[in-house]
């Protein structure tokens, strides 16, 4: 499993994992919109997203259960007068 943060308009993180058949799935995740499964080669959304009973969903659900968003405590804004 991989975790990462990606700069895009709607995603909070990217993730990936292998299903029981060994296929690797990759997705962009948004807390607001949920996952969008993407092509591993170019990062484009898959033309057809996994069906409800796809083996991709248990992989995503396992990732989501362990997902920890980047800590907000290390972000701070300072203002300096010049």
C-alpha atoms as a PDB file:
ATOM      1  CA  UNK A   1       0.000   0.000   0.000  1.00  0.00           C
ATOM      2  CA  UNK A   2       1.180   3.473  -0.774  1.00  0.00           C
ATOM      3  CA  UNK A   3       0.104   6.781   0.580  1.00  0.00           C
ATOM      4  CA  UNK A   4       0.763  10.150  -0.872  1.00  0.00           C
ATOM      5  CA  UNK A   5      -0.470  13.640  -1.262  1.00  0.00           C
ATOM      6  CA  UNK A   6      -1.093  14.989  -4.716  1.00  0.00           C
ATOM      7  CA  UNK A   7      -1.818  18.520  -5.737  1.00  0.00           C
ATOM      8  CA  UNK A   8      -5.052  18.637  -7.682  1.00  0.00           C
ATOM      9  CA  UNK A   9      -8.315  20.487  -7.420  1.00  0.00           C
ATOM     10  CA  UNK A  10     -10.320  17.868  -5.591  1.00  0.00           C
ATOM     11  CA  UNK A  11      -8.148  15.045  -4.271  1.00  0.00           C
ATOM     12  CA  UNK A  12      -6.709  14.824  -0.792  1.00  0.00           C
ATOM     13  CA  UNK A  13      -4.493  11.772  -1.365  1.00  0.00           C
ATOM     14  CA  UNK A  14      -3.614   8.994  -3.759  1.00  0.00           C
ATOM     15  CA  UNK A  15      -3.483   5.339  -2.868  1.00  0.00           C
ATOM     16  CA  UNK A  16      -2.994   1.939  -4.386  1.00  0.00           C
ATOM     17  CA  UNK A  17      -3.140  -1.702  -3.475  1.00  0.00           C
ATOM     18  CA  UNK A  18      -3.403  -5.180  -4.958  1.00  0.00           C
ATOM     19  CA  UNK A  19      -6.589  -7.247  -4.927  1.00  0.00           C
ATOM     20  CA  UNK A  20      -6.857 -10.979  -4.227  1.00  0.00           C
ATOM     21  CA  UNK A  21      -6.072 -11.692  -7.897  1.00  0.00           C
ATOM     22  CA  UNK A  22      -2.879  -9.616  -7.813  1.00  0.00           C
ATOM     23  CA  UNK A  23      -4.215  -6.716  -9.888  1.00  0.00           C
ATOM     24  CA  UNK A  24      -2.941  -3.374  -8.657  1.00  0.00           C
ATOM     25  CA  UNK A  25      -5.506  -0.607  -8.368  1.00  0.00           C
ATOM     26  CA  UNK A  26      -4.665   3.092  -7.976  1.00  0.00           C
ATOM     27  CA  UNK A  27      -7.028   5.895  -7.022  1.00  0.00           C
ATOM     28  CA  UNK A  28      -7.242   9.547  -6.137  1.00  0.00           C
ATOM     29  CA  UNK A  29      -9.224  10.118  -2.976  1.00  0.00           C
ATOM     30  CA  UNK A  30     -11.286  13.120  -1.942  1.00  0.00           C
ATOM     31  CA  UNK A  31     -12.995  13.361   1.437  1.00  0.00           C
ATOM     32  CA  UNK A  32     -15.782  15.241  -0.312  1.00  0.00           C
ATOM     33  CA  UNK A  33     -16.196  13.161  -3.484  1.00  0.00           C
ATOM     34  CA  UNK A  34     -14.722   9.749  -2.644  1.00  0.00           C
ATOM     35  CA  UNK A  35     -12.336   7.758  -4.834  1.00  0.00           C
ATOM     36  CA  UNK A  36     -11.688   7.978  -8.565  1.00  0.00           C
ATOM     37  CA  UNK A  37      -9.823   4.963  -9.852  1.00  0.00           C
ATOM     38  CA  UNK A  38      -7.036   6.002 -12.195  1.00  0.00           C
ATOM     39  CA  UNK A  39      -4.767   4.469 -14.831  1.00  0.00           C
ATOM     40  CA  UNK A  40      -1.430   3.488 -13.290  1.00  0.00           C
ATOM     41  CA  UNK A  41       0.499   4.578 -16.382  1.00  0.00           C
ATOM     42  CA  UNK A  42      -0.788   8.086 -16.990  1.00  0.00           C
ATOM     43  CA  UNK A  43      -2.942   8.991 -13.971  1.00  0.00           C
ATOM     44  CA  UNK A  44      -6.083   9.566 -16.042  1.00  0.00           C
ATOM     45  CA  UNK A  45      -9.411   8.380 -14.613  1.00  0.00           C
ATOM     46  CA  UNK A  46     -10.368   4.898 -15.794  1.00  0.00           C
ATOM     47  CA  UNK A  47     -12.979   4.993 -18.548  1.00  0.00           C
ATOM     48  CA  UNK A  48     -15.062   2.524 -16.532  1.00  0.00           C
ATOM     49  CA  UNK A  49     -14.921   2.733 -12.752  1.00  0.00           C
ATOM     50  CA  UNK A  50     -15.020  -0.564 -10.800  1.00  0.00           C
ATOM     51  CA  UNK A  51     -18.447  -2.109 -10.380  1.00  0.00           C
ATOM     52  CA  UNK A  52     -20.006  -2.516  -6.945  1.00  0.00           C
ATOM     53  CA  UNK A  53     -18.793  -6.121  -6.573  1.00  0.00           C
ATOM     54  CA  UNK A  54     -15.319  -5.510  -8.030  1.00  0.00           C
ATOM     55  CA  UNK A  55     -12.328  -6.801  -6.043  1.00  0.00           C
ATOM     56  CA  UNK A  56     -11.061  -3.192  -6.122  1.00  0.00           C
ATOM     57  CA  UNK A  57     -13.447  -2.106  -3.375  1.00  0.00           C
ATOM     58  CA  UNK A  58     -12.092  -4.269  -0.518  1.00  0.00           C
ATOM     59  CA  UNK A  59      -8.606  -2.968  -1.399  1.00  0.00           C
ATOM     60  CA  UNK A  60      -9.818   0.631  -1.277  1.00  0.00           C
ATOM     61  CA  UNK A  61     -11.810   0.062   1.939  1.00  0.00           C
ATOM     62  CA  UNK A  62      -8.741  -1.419   3.653  1.00  0.00           C
ATOM     63  CA  UNK A  63      -6.680   1.607   2.548  1.00  0.00           C
ATOM     64  CA  UNK A  64      -9.377   4.012   3.734  1.00  0.00           C
ATOM     65  CA  UNK A  65      -9.535   2.360   7.165  1.00  0.00           C
ATOM     66  CA  UNK A  66      -5.802   2.997   7.607  1.00  0.00           C
ATOM     67  CA  UNK A  67      -5.635   6.388   5.867  1.00  0.00           C
ATOM     68  CA  UNK A  68      -4.435   9.245   8.006  1.00  0.00           C
ATOM     69  CA  UNK A  69      -4.673  12.693   6.449  1.00  0.00           C
ATOM     70  CA  UNK A  70      -1.621  14.927   6.538  1.00  0.00           C
ATOM     71  CA  UNK A  71      -1.319  16.536   9.942  1.00  0.00           C
ATOM     72  CA  UNK A  72      -2.639  20.048  10.134  1.00  0.00           C
ATOM     73  CA  UNK A  73      -0.650  20.788  13.279  1.00  0.00           C
ATOM     74  CA  UNK A  74       2.546  21.377  11.327  1.00  0.00           C
ATOM     75  CA  UNK A  75       0.956  23.995   9.082  1.00  0.00           C
ATOM     76  CA  UNK A  76       1.034  27.538  10.253  1.00  0.00           C
ATOM     77  CA  UNK A  77       0.820  30.948   8.714  1.00  0.00           C
ATOM     78  CA  UNK A  78       3.007  33.794   9.789  1.00  0.00           C
ATOM     79  CA  UNK A  79       2.794  37.395   8.808  1.00  0.00           C
ATOM     80  CA  UNK A  80       5.786  39.616   8.804  1.00  0.00           C
ATOM     81  CA  UNK A  81       5.629  43.321   8.366  1.00  0.00           C
ATOM     82  CA  UNK A  82       8.233  44.731   6.037  1.00  0.00           C
END
